[in-house]
Protein backbone atom coordinates (compact mmCIF):
# COMPACT_ATOMS: atom_id res chain seq x y z
CA MET A 1 113.09 56.81 84.53
CA ALA A 2 111.37 56.51 81.26
CA GLY A 3 108.06 55.95 82.99
CA VAL A 4 108.18 59.25 84.77
CA ALA A 5 108.93 60.99 81.51
CA ALA A 6 106.07 59.37 79.77
CA ALA A 7 103.69 59.93 82.82
CA VAL A 8 103.73 63.66 82.75
CA PRO A 9 103.97 64.91 79.26
CA SER A 10 101.04 67.49 79.92
CA ILE A 11 103.33 69.74 81.88
CA SER A 12 104.81 72.49 79.52
CA ALA A 13 108.25 73.77 80.29
CA PRO A 14 108.51 77.30 81.41
CA ALA A 15 110.75 79.71 79.60
CA ARG A 16 113.07 79.79 82.32
CA GLY A 17 112.34 77.54 85.54
CA TRP A 18 112.68 74.22 87.28
CA ILE A 19 111.15 70.86 87.56
CA GLY A 20 111.52 68.92 90.89
CA ILE A 21 110.13 66.27 92.95
CA CYS A 22 109.34 66.66 96.59
CA TRP A 23 109.49 63.41 98.37
CA ARG A 24 107.58 62.67 101.58
CA ASN A 25 108.04 59.32 103.56
CA ALA A 26 107.71 58.75 107.18
CA GLY A 27 108.60 62.35 108.04
CA HIS A 28 111.46 62.65 105.46
CA SER A 29 111.36 65.39 103.01
CA ALA A 30 113.76 66.31 100.36
CA LEU A 31 113.58 68.53 97.38
CA ARG A 32 115.43 67.70 94.08
CA SER A 33 115.70 70.60 91.95
CA LEU A 34 116.61 69.86 88.27
CA ARG A 35 117.46 72.99 86.30
CA SER A 36 117.41 73.51 82.66
CA GLY A 37 120.45 71.92 81.00
CA ALA A 38 121.79 70.54 84.28
CA ARG A 39 123.05 66.85 84.14
CA THR A 40 121.53 64.72 86.58
CA SER A 41 123.18 61.34 85.71
CA PRO A 42 125.35 60.01 82.93
CA ALA A 43 122.18 58.82 81.07
CA THR A 44 119.51 61.44 81.83
CA SER A 45 119.08 65.08 81.23
CA THR A 46 116.38 67.76 81.80
CA ARG A 47 117.44 69.52 78.65
CA PRO A 48 114.09 70.42 76.84
CA PRO A 49 113.50 68.40 73.69
CA ALA A 50 112.96 69.93 70.16
CA GLY A 51 109.16 69.82 70.78
CA GLY A 52 109.20 72.21 73.62
CA GLU A 53 108.09 70.06 76.22
CA ARG A 54 110.18 69.45 79.40
CA ARG A 55 110.86 65.89 80.43
CA VAL A 56 110.64 65.08 83.90
CA VAL A 57 113.61 63.06 85.24
CA CYS A 58 115.09 62.77 88.68
CA ARG A 59 117.46 60.94 90.92
CA ARG A 60 116.08 57.91 93.04
CA PRO A 61 116.17 58.69 96.70
CA GLU A 62 119.74 57.79 98.04
CA ARG A 63 119.97 55.28 100.53
CA ARG A 64 123.43 53.95 102.00
CA GLY A 65 124.41 50.56 101.18
CA ALA A 66 121.89 50.03 98.35
CA SER A 67 123.59 47.67 95.86
CA ARG A 68 120.66 47.11 93.46
CA ARG A 69 117.31 48.86 92.94
CA SER A 70 114.38 48.51 90.92
CA SER A 71 111.42 50.85 90.76
CA ARG A 72 108.04 51.14 89.53
CA TRP A 73 106.28 54.50 88.87
CA THR A 74 102.47 55.62 88.90
CA THR A 75 101.14 58.88 88.46
CA ALA A 76 97.79 60.83 89.24
CA GLU A 77 95.78 62.98 86.67
CA PRO A 78 97.55 66.40 86.19
CA LYS A 79 96.05 69.22 88.47
CA THR A 80 96.07 72.75 87.44
CA GLN A 81 96.60 75.33 90.33
CA ALA A 82 97.20 79.00 90.81
CA GLY A 83 100.96 79.10 90.40
CA PRO A 84 102.84 75.90 89.96
CA THR A 85 101.50 73.18 87.77
CA SER A 86 101.66 69.89 89.54
CA ILE A 87 100.72 66.14 89.49
CA SER A 88 101.15 63.35 92.12
CA VAL A 89 103.84 60.90 91.63
CA ARG A 90 104.23 57.58 93.51
CA CYS A 91 107.49 55.60 93.34
CA ARG A 92 107.48 52.09 94.82
CA LEU A 93 111.20 51.27 95.33
CA ARG A 94 112.61 47.65 95.81
CA GLU A 95 116.17 47.37 97.00
CA ARG A 96 118.41 44.57 97.66
CA CYS A 97 121.26 45.06 100.03
CA ALA A 98 123.46 42.54 101.75
CA GLY A 99 121.34 39.69 100.49
CA ARG A 100 118.06 41.16 102.16
CA SER A 101 115.20 42.47 100.14
CA ARG A 102 113.41 45.62 101.46
CA ARG A 103 110.38 47.55 100.07
CA ALA A 104 109.65 51.19 100.36
CA GLU A 105 107.24 53.70 98.83
CA PHE A 106 107.84 57.23 98.19
CA ARG A 107 105.09 59.77 97.29
CA GLY A 108 105.65 63.30 95.73
CA ILE A 109 104.73 66.00 93.52
CA VAL A 110 106.18 67.01 90.37
CA VAL A 111 106.22 70.71 90.12
CA SER A 112 106.93 73.05 87.45
CA VAL A 113 107.83 76.74 88.53
CA ALA A 114 108.69 79.72 86.49
CA THR A 115 111.51 81.76 87.99
CA PRO A 116 111.13 85.68 87.30
CA GLN A 117 112.90 87.20 84.58
CA ILE A 118 115.30 89.79 86.23
CA ASP A 119 116.64 92.86 84.33
CA LEU A 120 120.30 92.81 85.47
CA LEU A 121 123.37 95.33 85.05
CA VAL A 122 126.64 94.27 85.79
CA VAL A 123 129.40 97.11 86.22
CA ASP A 124 132.91 96.23 86.84
CA ASP A 125 136.24 97.35 85.20
CA ASP A 126 137.56 93.87 85.66
CA ASP A 127 136.68 92.19 82.15
CA ALA A 128 137.36 88.60 83.43
CA PHE A 129 135.21 88.88 86.55
CA ARG A 130 132.54 90.77 84.81
CA SER A 131 132.17 88.30 81.96
CA SER A 132 132.04 85.36 84.36
CA LEU A 133 129.08 87.05 86.11
CA VAL A 134 127.57 87.65 82.98
CA ARG A 135 127.73 84.14 81.76
CA ARG A 136 126.65 82.73 85.14
CA PHE A 137 123.32 84.86 85.31
CA GLN A 138 122.53 84.42 81.60
CA ARG A 139 122.47 80.75 82.16
CA ARG A 140 120.11 81.37 85.05
CA GLY A 141 117.73 83.21 82.55
CA PHE A 142 118.43 86.82 83.52
CA ASN A 143 118.47 89.61 81.05
CA VAL A 144 121.91 90.69 81.71
CA SER A 145 123.65 93.92 80.52
CA GLU A 146 127.29 94.78 81.30
CA ALA A 147 129.37 98.09 81.56
CA ALA A 148 132.99 98.46 82.21
CA SER A 149 132.60 101.90 83.55
CA ALA A 150 130.17 104.03 85.60
CA GLU A 151 129.83 106.48 82.63
CA GLU A 152 128.89 103.41 80.37
CA ALA A 153 126.50 102.30 83.01
CA LEU A 154 124.56 105.62 83.15
CA GLU A 155 124.22 105.49 79.34
CA LEU A 156 122.58 102.19 79.61
CA ILE A 157 120.48 103.46 82.59
CA ALA A 158 119.24 106.47 80.57
CA ARG A 159 117.83 104.08 77.96
CA ARG A 160 116.45 101.31 79.97
CA LEU A 161 115.16 100.56 83.46
CA PHE A 162 116.88 97.71 85.60
CA ASP A 163 115.53 95.72 88.53
CA VAL A 164 119.02 95.11 90.09
CA ALA A 165 122.36 96.38 89.52
CA VAL A 166 125.77 94.80 90.76
CA VAL A 167 128.38 97.49 90.77
CA ASP A 168 132.02 97.47 91.52
CA MET A 169 132.78 100.24 94.29
CA VAL A 170 136.44 101.20 92.89
CA MET A 171 136.60 101.94 89.24
CA PRO A 172 138.37 104.42 87.02
CA GLY A 173 136.73 107.82 86.93
CA MET A 174 133.38 107.80 88.56
CA SER A 175 133.26 105.64 91.67
CA GLY A 176 130.50 103.02 92.41
CA LEU A 177 129.17 105.33 95.27
CA GLU A 178 128.78 108.18 92.76
CA LEU A 179 127.08 105.85 90.46
CA LEU A 180 124.70 104.64 93.07
CA GLU A 181 123.81 108.21 93.87
CA ARG A 182 122.95 109.17 90.28
CA MET A 183 121.16 105.81 90.01
CA ARG A 184 118.79 106.62 92.75
CA GLU A 185 117.84 109.80 90.98
CA LEU A 186 117.30 108.06 87.59
CA ASN A 187 115.64 104.78 88.72
CA PRO A 188 114.81 104.92 92.52
CA HIS A 189 113.34 101.43 92.28
CA CYS A 190 116.43 99.66 91.11
CA GLN A 191 118.24 97.86 93.95
CA CYS A 192 122.17 98.01 93.91
CA ILE A 193 124.59 95.60 95.22
CA LEU A 194 128.08 96.95 95.90
CA LEU A 195 131.23 94.85 95.35
CA THR A 196 134.78 95.76 96.66
CA GLY A 197 138.05 94.18 97.33
CA GLN A 198 138.96 96.99 99.83
CA ALA A 199 136.13 96.79 102.34
CA THR A 200 136.21 99.31 105.30
CA VAL A 201 133.61 100.08 107.72
CA GLU A 202 133.20 103.73 106.52
CA SER A 203 132.61 102.62 102.99
CA ALA A 204 130.12 100.19 104.13
CA VAL A 205 128.08 102.87 106.22
CA GLN A 206 128.34 105.36 103.44
CA ALA A 207 127.06 102.80 101.05
CA MET A 208 124.12 101.98 103.03
CA LYS A 209 123.41 105.63 103.68
CA LEU A 210 123.13 106.06 99.94
CA GLY A 211 120.70 103.40 99.81
CA ALA A 212 122.72 100.04 98.52
CA TYR A 213 120.72 97.06 99.29
CA ASP A 214 123.92 95.10 100.22
CA TYR A 215 127.69 95.13 100.38
CA LEU A 216 129.79 92.28 99.46
CA ARG A 217 133.60 91.95 99.93
CA LYS A 218 135.82 90.30 97.13
CA PRO A 219 136.46 87.34 96.80
CA PHE A 220 132.91 85.79 97.61
CA PRO A 221 131.03 82.53 96.31
CA LEU A 222 128.93 83.23 93.34
CA ALA A 223 126.19 81.34 95.04
CA GLU A 224 126.26 83.83 97.75
CA LEU A 225 125.88 86.75 95.18
CA GLU A 226 123.11 84.80 93.65
CA VAL A 227 121.09 84.65 96.90
CA VAL A 228 121.53 88.28 97.57
CA LEU A 229 120.36 89.02 94.11
CA GLN A 230 117.17 87.05 94.30
CA LYS A 231 116.35 88.92 97.72
CA ALA A 232 117.21 92.43 96.11
CA TYR A 233 114.85 91.50 93.25
CA GLU A 234 112.05 90.87 95.77
CA ARG A 235 112.87 94.20 97.36
CA HIS A 236 112.63 95.82 93.96
CA GLN A 237 109.25 94.35 93.44
CA LEU A 238 107.84 95.43 96.72
CA SER A 239 109.09 99.00 96.14
CA LYS A 240 107.37 98.86 92.63
CA GLU A 241 104.20 97.47 93.94
CA ASN A 242 104.21 99.97 96.70
CA ALA A 243 104.34 102.87 94.36
CA GLN A 244 101.69 101.37 92.12
CA LEU A 245 99.26 101.04 94.84
CA ARG A 246 100.05 104.57 95.95
CA GLU A 247 99.32 105.80 92.38
CA LEU A 248 96.07 103.66 92.33
CA LEU A 249 94.97 104.89 95.62
CA HIS A 250 95.71 108.45 94.62
CA ARG A 251 93.56 108.12 91.35
CA SER A 252 90.59 106.64 93.27
CA GLU A 253 90.50 109.28 95.80
CA GLU A 254 87.70 111.84 95.31
CA LYS A 255 88.98 115.01 93.83
CA TRP A 256 88.27 118.10 96.06
CA GLU A 257 88.03 121.38 94.19
CA MET A 258 87.12 124.70 95.50
CA ILE A 259 85.11 127.49 93.74
CA GLY A 260 85.58 130.97 94.50
CA HIS A 261 85.71 134.25 92.46
CA SER A 262 84.61 136.51 95.19
CA PRO A 263 87.09 138.62 97.04
CA VAL A 264 86.38 136.86 100.44
CA MET A 265 87.05 133.54 98.98
CA GLN A 266 90.35 134.62 97.31
CA ASP A 267 91.54 135.87 100.78
CA VAL A 268 90.87 132.34 101.99
CA PHE A 269 92.82 130.73 99.12
CA ARG A 270 95.96 132.93 100.03
CA LEU A 271 95.54 131.83 103.57
CA ILE A 272 95.51 128.34 102.52
CA GLU A 273 98.64 128.74 100.40
CA ARG A 274 100.42 130.29 103.24
CA ALA A 275 99.43 128.02 105.85
CA GLY A 276 99.33 124.66 104.07
CA PRO A 277 103.28 124.03 104.08
CA SER A 278 103.15 124.87 107.82
CA ASP A 279 102.98 121.83 110.31
CA LYS A 280 101.10 123.87 112.73
CA PRO A 281 97.62 123.42 114.14
CA ILE A 282 94.97 125.41 112.22
CA LEU A 283 91.36 126.29 113.28
CA ILE A 284 88.77 126.69 110.68
CA LEU A 285 85.86 128.78 111.49
CA GLY A 286 82.52 129.07 109.67
CA GLU A 287 78.79 128.35 109.52
CA SER A 288 77.35 124.81 108.98
CA GLY A 289 77.63 124.12 105.23
CA THR A 290 80.46 126.50 104.33
CA GLY A 291 82.99 123.58 103.52
CA LYS A 292 85.21 123.54 106.42
CA GLU A 293 86.27 119.98 105.63
CA LEU A 294 86.99 121.01 102.25
CA VAL A 295 89.45 123.55 103.35
CA ALA A 296 91.01 121.01 105.68
CA ARG A 297 91.69 118.71 102.84
CA ALA A 298 93.21 121.57 100.77
CA LEU A 299 95.59 122.44 103.63
CA HIS A 300 96.46 118.70 103.80
CA ALA A 301 97.28 118.55 100.05
CA CYS A 302 99.56 121.78 100.14
CA SER A 303 101.49 120.33 103.29
CA PRO A 304 104.40 118.01 103.27
CA ARG A 305 102.34 115.30 104.53
CA LYS A 306 100.19 115.14 101.48
CA ASP A 307 101.28 111.66 100.74
CA LYS A 308 100.22 110.48 104.25
CA PRO A 309 96.80 109.67 105.58
CA PHE A 310 94.02 112.36 106.00
CA VAL A 311 91.53 111.27 108.71
CA ALA A 312 88.46 113.08 109.64
CA ILE A 313 86.10 112.59 112.56
CA ASN A 314 83.07 114.55 113.80
CA CYS A 315 82.86 115.18 117.55
CA ALA A 316 79.25 116.00 117.51
CA ALA A 317 78.18 112.59 116.05
CA LEU A 318 79.65 110.55 118.71
CA PRO A 319 79.25 110.21 122.80
CA ASP A 320 82.23 110.58 124.90
CA GLN A 321 82.85 106.95 125.46
CA LEU A 322 82.83 106.05 121.70
CA LEU A 323 84.69 109.15 120.89
CA GLU A 324 87.60 108.22 123.27
CA SER A 325 87.80 104.84 121.71
CA GLU A 326 87.77 106.09 118.25
CA LEU A 327 90.46 108.60 118.80
CA PHE A 328 92.77 106.71 121.10
CA GLY A 329 91.79 103.06 120.24
CA HIS A 330 91.29 100.23 122.86
CA GLU A 331 92.75 97.04 123.96
CA LYS A 332 90.80 93.63 123.89
CA GLY A 333 88.58 93.50 127.08
CA ALA A 334 88.79 97.22 127.81
CA PHE A 335 85.09 97.23 127.84
CA THR A 336 82.18 95.32 127.06
CA GLY A 337 82.16 94.40 123.35
CA ALA A 338 85.91 95.15 122.81
CA THR A 339 86.73 91.61 121.37
CA ALA A 340 89.90 92.60 119.68
CA SER A 341 92.47 95.29 119.93
CA ARG A 342 91.85 98.33 117.54
CA PRO A 343 94.09 101.39 116.97
CA GLY A 344 92.53 104.71 117.22
CA LEU A 345 92.56 107.42 114.66
CA PHE A 346 95.47 109.20 116.04
CA GLU A 347 97.64 105.99 115.18
CA VAL A 348 95.75 105.58 111.92
CA ALA A 349 96.76 109.35 111.02
CA ASP A 350 100.32 108.89 112.25
CA GLY A 351 102.43 110.98 109.96
CA GLY A 352 99.47 112.49 108.22
CA THR A 353 96.86 115.06 109.33
CA LEU A 354 93.89 114.54 111.64
CA PHE A 355 90.69 116.65 111.08
CA ILE A 356 88.39 117.12 114.13
CA ASP A 357 85.19 118.65 113.05
CA GLU A 358 82.98 120.40 115.57
CA ILE A 359 85.58 120.53 118.24
CA GLY A 360 83.62 122.78 120.27
CA GLU A 361 81.24 119.87 121.09
CA MET A 362 84.03 117.90 122.77
CA SER A 363 83.65 117.28 126.55
CA PRO A 364 85.91 118.86 129.08
CA MET A 365 87.39 115.27 129.86
CA MET A 366 88.18 114.78 126.16
CA GLN A 367 89.69 118.23 126.03
CA VAL A 368 92.25 117.12 128.60
CA LYS A 369 93.39 113.94 126.80
CA LEU A 370 93.53 115.85 123.47
CA LEU A 371 95.71 118.49 125.24
CA ARG A 372 98.14 115.80 126.24
CA VAL A 373 98.73 114.47 122.98
CA LEU A 374 99.10 118.02 121.30
CA GLU A 375 101.51 118.67 123.90
CA ASP A 376 104.02 115.83 123.55
CA GLY A 377 102.54 113.50 121.15
CA SER A 378 102.20 110.54 123.48
CA MET A 379 98.86 108.64 124.17
CA ARG A 380 97.40 105.56 125.59
CA ARG A 381 94.84 103.25 124.08
CA VAL A 382 91.62 102.50 126.27
CA GLY A 383 92.51 99.60 128.73
CA SER A 384 96.26 99.90 128.13
CA ASN A 385 99.20 101.11 130.17
CA GLN A 386 101.49 101.15 127.29
CA GLU A 387 102.50 104.70 126.19
CA ARG A 388 102.54 105.25 122.33
CA ARG A 389 103.97 108.38 120.37
CA VAL A 390 102.30 109.80 117.40
CA ASN A 391 103.14 112.39 114.97
CA ILE A 392 100.26 114.18 113.45
CA ARG A 393 99.07 117.57 112.16
CA LEU A 394 95.85 118.56 113.89
CA ILE A 395 93.28 120.66 111.83
CA SER A 396 90.14 121.37 113.67
CA ALA A 397 86.85 123.22 112.88
CA THR A 398 83.83 124.60 114.56
CA ASN A 399 80.83 126.72 113.89
CA ARG A 400 80.71 128.07 117.41
CA ASP A 401 82.29 131.08 119.25
CA LEU A 402 85.19 129.08 121.30
CA GLU A 403 86.15 132.36 122.97
CA LYS A 404 82.71 132.70 124.30
CA LEU A 405 82.70 129.11 125.40
CA VAL A 406 85.95 129.63 127.15
CA GLN A 407 84.53 132.60 129.07
CA GLU A 408 81.54 130.16 129.97
CA GLY A 409 83.81 127.61 131.23
CA SER A 410 82.88 124.82 128.73
CA PHE A 411 86.06 124.93 126.63
CA ARG A 412 89.69 124.85 127.99
CA GLU A 413 91.70 128.13 127.22
CA ASP A 414 95.08 126.23 126.92
CA LEU A 415 93.52 123.96 124.46
CA LEU A 416 92.41 126.76 122.48
CA TYR A 417 95.83 128.39 122.28
CA ARG A 418 97.11 124.72 121.18
CA ILE A 419 94.59 124.44 118.20
CA ASN A 420 94.46 128.12 117.17
CA VAL A 421 97.91 128.92 116.16
CA LEU A 422 96.13 130.22 112.98
CA SER A 423 92.58 130.42 112.17
CA ILE A 424 90.85 130.70 108.72
CA GLU A 425 87.26 132.18 108.72
CA LEU A 426 85.06 130.84 105.93
CA PRO A 427 82.31 133.33 104.68
CA PRO A 428 78.86 132.31 104.38
CA LEU A 429 77.41 131.74 100.76
CA ARG A 430 75.27 134.99 101.13
CA GLU A 431 78.57 136.99 101.21
CA ARG A 432 80.26 135.45 98.20
CA GLU A 433 79.19 137.72 95.46
CA GLY A 434 79.31 136.27 92.10
CA ASP A 435 80.08 132.76 93.41
CA ILE A 436 76.57 131.12 93.11
CA PRO A 437 76.33 131.14 89.24
CA PRO A 438 79.74 128.77 88.89
CA LEU A 439 78.58 126.80 91.73
CA VAL A 440 75.26 126.13 90.22
CA ALA A 441 76.88 125.22 86.99
CA ARG A 442 79.25 122.95 88.65
CA TYR A 443 76.73 121.02 90.71
CA LEU A 444 74.18 120.81 87.94
CA GLY A 445 76.59 119.18 85.50
CA GLU A 446 76.98 119.56 81.93
CA GLY A 447 74.09 119.80 79.67
CA TRP A 448 71.77 121.58 82.23
CA GLU A 449 70.29 125.21 81.85
CA VAL A 450 68.84 127.53 84.33
CA ASP A 451 66.34 130.13 83.53
CA PRO A 452 67.22 133.72 84.29
CA GLU A 453 64.37 134.06 86.72
CA ALA A 454 65.39 130.93 88.62
CA MET A 455 69.03 132.14 88.60
CA GLU A 456 67.84 135.49 90.04
CA CYS A 457 66.02 133.52 92.72
CA LEU A 458 69.03 131.65 93.62
CA GLN A 459 71.17 134.53 93.98
CA ARG A 460 68.71 136.61 96.09
CA TYR A 461 68.18 134.13 98.60
CA HIS A 462 70.34 134.37 101.66
CA TRP A 463 71.04 130.71 102.08
CA PRO A 464 71.21 129.97 105.89
CA GLY A 465 72.41 126.33 104.83
CA ASN A 466 75.10 127.69 102.70
CA VAL A 467 76.66 125.59 100.03
CA ARG A 468 75.24 122.39 101.54
CA GLN A 469 71.59 123.79 101.28
CA LEU A 470 72.51 124.98 97.67
CA ILE A 471 73.48 121.41 96.55
CA ASN A 472 70.42 120.00 98.19
CA VAL A 473 68.26 122.42 96.18
CA LEU A 474 69.97 121.67 92.95
CA GLU A 475 69.48 117.93 93.28
CA ARG A 476 65.72 118.50 93.92
CA SER A 477 65.33 120.75 91.00
CA LYS A 478 67.09 118.13 88.84
CA ILE A 479 64.49 115.72 89.66
CA MET A 480 61.62 118.25 89.09
CA ALA A 481 62.87 119.85 86.00
CA GLU A 482 62.00 118.71 82.44
CA ALA A 483 64.27 118.75 79.32
CA ASN A 484 67.46 119.55 81.46
CA ARG A 485 66.04 123.03 82.18
CA VAL A 486 65.69 124.28 85.76
CA THR A 487 62.93 126.98 86.04
CA VAL A 488 61.52 128.89 89.05
CA HIS A 489 58.85 126.32 89.32
CA ASP A 490 61.48 123.51 90.08
CA LEU A 491 62.74 125.50 92.95
CA PRO A 492 61.40 124.75 96.58
CA ARG A 493 58.35 126.87 97.45
CA SER A 494 59.82 128.11 100.59
CA ILE A 495 62.91 129.77 98.74
CA VAL A 496 60.80 131.33 96.18
CA GLU A 497 58.32 132.89 98.90
CA ALA A 498 61.38 134.21 100.97
CA VAL A 499 62.83 135.82 97.90
CA HIS A 500 59.44 137.37 97.08
CA GLU A 501 59.31 138.61 100.61
CA GLN A 502 62.70 140.25 100.36
CA ALA A 503 61.99 142.05 97.13
CA ALA A 504 58.71 143.36 98.34
CA HIS A 505 60.62 144.81 101.45
CA ARG A 506 63.21 146.15 99.39
CA GLY A 507 61.00 147.58 96.62
CA GLY A 508 62.08 145.31 93.73
CA SER A 509 65.03 142.96 92.65
CA PRO A 510 68.17 143.32 90.55
CA ASN A 511 68.51 142.03 87.20
CA ALA A 512 69.30 138.39 86.74
CA THR A 513 72.78 137.42 86.32
CA PRO A 514 73.68 134.91 83.65
CA VAL A 515 75.14 131.47 84.65
CA ALA A 516 79.02 131.15 84.31
CA ALA A 517 80.68 127.83 84.04
CA GLY A 518 83.04 126.70 86.84
CA SER A 519 83.74 123.92 89.40
CA GLY A 520 83.50 123.86 92.89
CA PRO A 521 83.84 122.00 96.22
CA VAL A 522 82.37 118.75 96.98
CA VAL A 523 80.22 119.40 100.16
CA ASP A 524 77.95 116.93 101.74
CA SER A 525 74.37 117.68 101.01
CA GLY A 526 71.65 117.69 103.67
CA PRO A 527 67.77 118.40 103.99
CA PRO A 528 66.76 121.89 103.23
CA PRO A 529 66.28 123.94 106.33
CA THR A 530 62.98 125.58 107.30
CA VAL A 531 62.86 129.21 106.34
CA ALA A 532 61.24 131.46 108.67
CA LYS A 533 59.02 134.23 107.13
CA PRO A 534 59.85 137.69 108.46
CA SER A 535 57.08 138.92 110.70
CA HIS A 536 58.50 142.30 112.02
CA PRO A 537 57.26 145.69 111.03
CA ARG A 538 59.27 148.12 108.98
CA ALA A 539 62.19 149.71 110.92
CA PRO A 540 63.02 153.43 111.15
CA ALA A 541 63.96 154.92 107.77
CA ALA A 542 67.84 154.93 107.00
CA GLY A 543 69.27 158.03 108.58
CA ASN A 544 66.64 158.59 111.38
CA LEU A 545 68.44 157.84 114.75
CA PRO A 546 66.43 156.21 117.38
CA PRO A 547 64.64 158.37 120.04
CA THR A 548 67.18 157.66 122.78
CA ASP A 549 70.42 158.79 124.05
CA ASN A 550 71.54 155.32 124.95
CA LEU A 551 74.96 154.78 123.40
CA ALA A 552 74.45 151.01 122.84
CA ALA A 553 70.98 151.70 121.16
CA VAL A 554 72.73 154.26 118.94
CA GLU A 555 75.52 151.67 118.04
CA ARG A 556 72.87 149.03 117.30
CA PHE A 557 70.91 151.24 115.11
CA LYS A 558 74.05 152.24 112.93
CA VAL A 559 75.26 148.76 112.59
CA VAL A 560 71.75 147.56 111.33
CA GLU A 561 71.45 150.48 109.24
CA VAL A 562 74.85 149.73 107.36
CA LEU A 563 74.08 146.13 107.01
CA ARG A 564 70.88 147.02 105.37
CA ARG A 565 72.72 149.26 102.84
CA CYS A 566 75.21 146.72 102.17
CA HIS A 567 72.29 144.09 101.45
CA GLY A 568 73.66 141.91 104.56
CA ASN A 569 77.32 141.75 103.15
CA LYS A 570 79.28 141.64 106.26
CA SER A 571 82.65 142.44 104.62
CA ARG A 572 81.41 145.48 103.06
CA ALA A 573 79.52 146.38 106.07
CA ALA A 574 82.58 146.01 108.36
CA LYS A 575 84.74 148.11 105.90
CA ALA A 576 82.02 150.93 105.91
CA LEU A 577 82.04 150.81 109.80
CA GLY A 578 85.81 150.69 110.03
CA VAL A 579 86.10 147.49 111.84
CA THR A 580 87.21 143.99 111.24
CA ARG A 581 84.81 141.24 110.45
CA ARG A 582 85.28 139.50 113.59
CA SER A 583 84.56 142.95 115.34
CA LEU A 584 81.40 142.99 113.39
CA TYR A 585 80.29 139.57 114.32
CA ARG A 586 80.82 140.52 118.23
CA LEU A 587 78.74 143.58 117.48
CA LEU A 588 75.95 141.37 116.17
CA GLU A 589 76.32 139.01 119.07
CA LYS A 590 76.38 141.67 121.63
CA HIS A 591 73.43 143.67 120.46
CA ALA A 592 71.45 140.24 119.44
CA ILE A 593 71.05 141.41 115.81
CA ARG A 594 68.94 139.07 113.89
CA GLU A 595 69.55 138.45 109.93
CA ASP A 596 65.83 139.17 109.19
CA GLU A 597 66.36 142.76 110.79
CA TYR A 598 68.92 143.80 108.10
CA LEU A 599 67.76 141.38 105.17
CA ASN A 600 64.09 142.07 105.35
CA ASN A 601 64.04 145.78 106.63
CA GLY A 602 62.82 144.26 109.90
CA SER A 603 62.10 146.40 113.02
CA TYR A 604 64.36 148.32 115.16
CA ALA A 605 64.72 146.90 118.68
CA GLY A 606 66.53 149.23 120.70
């Protein structure tokens, strides 16, 4: 025994823990666990000496009929590992029994393992029983606090967070179930073990419903309570780590923020606040680059599903076969290259929100499969006969007129009714009066300035690519600018020429508007679109009706005239005409009115 203790002086004793030897010989395995202060034989002990080092001692492997034994120990060099500190130990045992000599060799590992320090709360009105629990678990190295009543326990919980609580169910005053309910509010990660001497099925069911980890009936072996307590602590650690990972994930997520001081954007914000808490499908309409995905994320953040996944997919970016596999998943061997089973985005987004962008580009075959999922929540992976059920909120977006696609037969009418319980129409950037200065300030960043002439140019441009194009122009300007100051010479030539053309047709430009600080949505940037120069002659002067009695021609002329007067702002034009913005868009499509006709005083085409 002295050889073992002298052979492993490098193993430091943990604050609380055990040292054991695992024997392996001819398939036999046994673990001798020697706890701090526990006597292993009349002559040896694992009590740490004054120097702080733990001496390693163990019982020899027991064998029946052994009358006299002698042993020789050898050790390998200490090995430091992640976790337990261990060294190899070899014991050669010689025993003599019934006049016969026999040799055997045992190999093992001396292991030093630190047990966790558990913050334990014991609540029981029985002083003797409570004291016995406190003494036992203090010997195990736990940090134990005790309370004789539920009221006293609540005072302790208010000052300190506990990992596990052992609570008697029947106590004077507040019962253990009431205490459990209050504990779930004050410390939701604390695991509670209820004890009772009057166990009933009803009380056990009620305890589990309130969140108790386990339910023990008195009397019970204290060893059983210790096992349950260790498992409850593991559950506590999992719950705590889960909360930490959620918070870490939330902090690492990109912050999506919307800018909009214009009246049309304020209307959009009000719709998001009203529709967000709902669980119904929503259709987002708007031109490319207006921030439809940003609105979808805002809706998800306002919904009860905000802590669940938000998954986005663009239908226009994938062919039908790949889109089906992405949405519904596939089984191994379902097609060439399917080397493993893979869940689809419906399963990934289960419990959360699925955002389908450019849904107008979806093929009729995929529309039928999507309709099935929206009707009853059931789906099948590609190559599988097993039906799965998912619970998702669908938000879709498109820049196309789905009602027109329904009339053409390329989009299912029943699917349109499913996805369009409520629609949110995003205005283009040219109709958002006063939003360009804060957008510019947001995407240029701190320390950047914009010349008044450059800001006037940005405000006068009609932005066919909307916010996405604006971000692209600002990023280019930051590369070209000097001394963190953007001038009109740093802007793309196509934008400057287009603004000059508009000013020439309109007979001048308004005064520049100063830059205002603000913050705005994060929208993916893309290449600047080609801006076509207007090549149409001047239209008839305002107020002069076209020389025709055709009602459609008169209607077309009036729409163009009002749009010119409102400088292309469709919201104000619709109000002046006495129609809704949607009706105005239908009139524009009906008469094939181009933007350059009312933005550049283009020609009248009756």
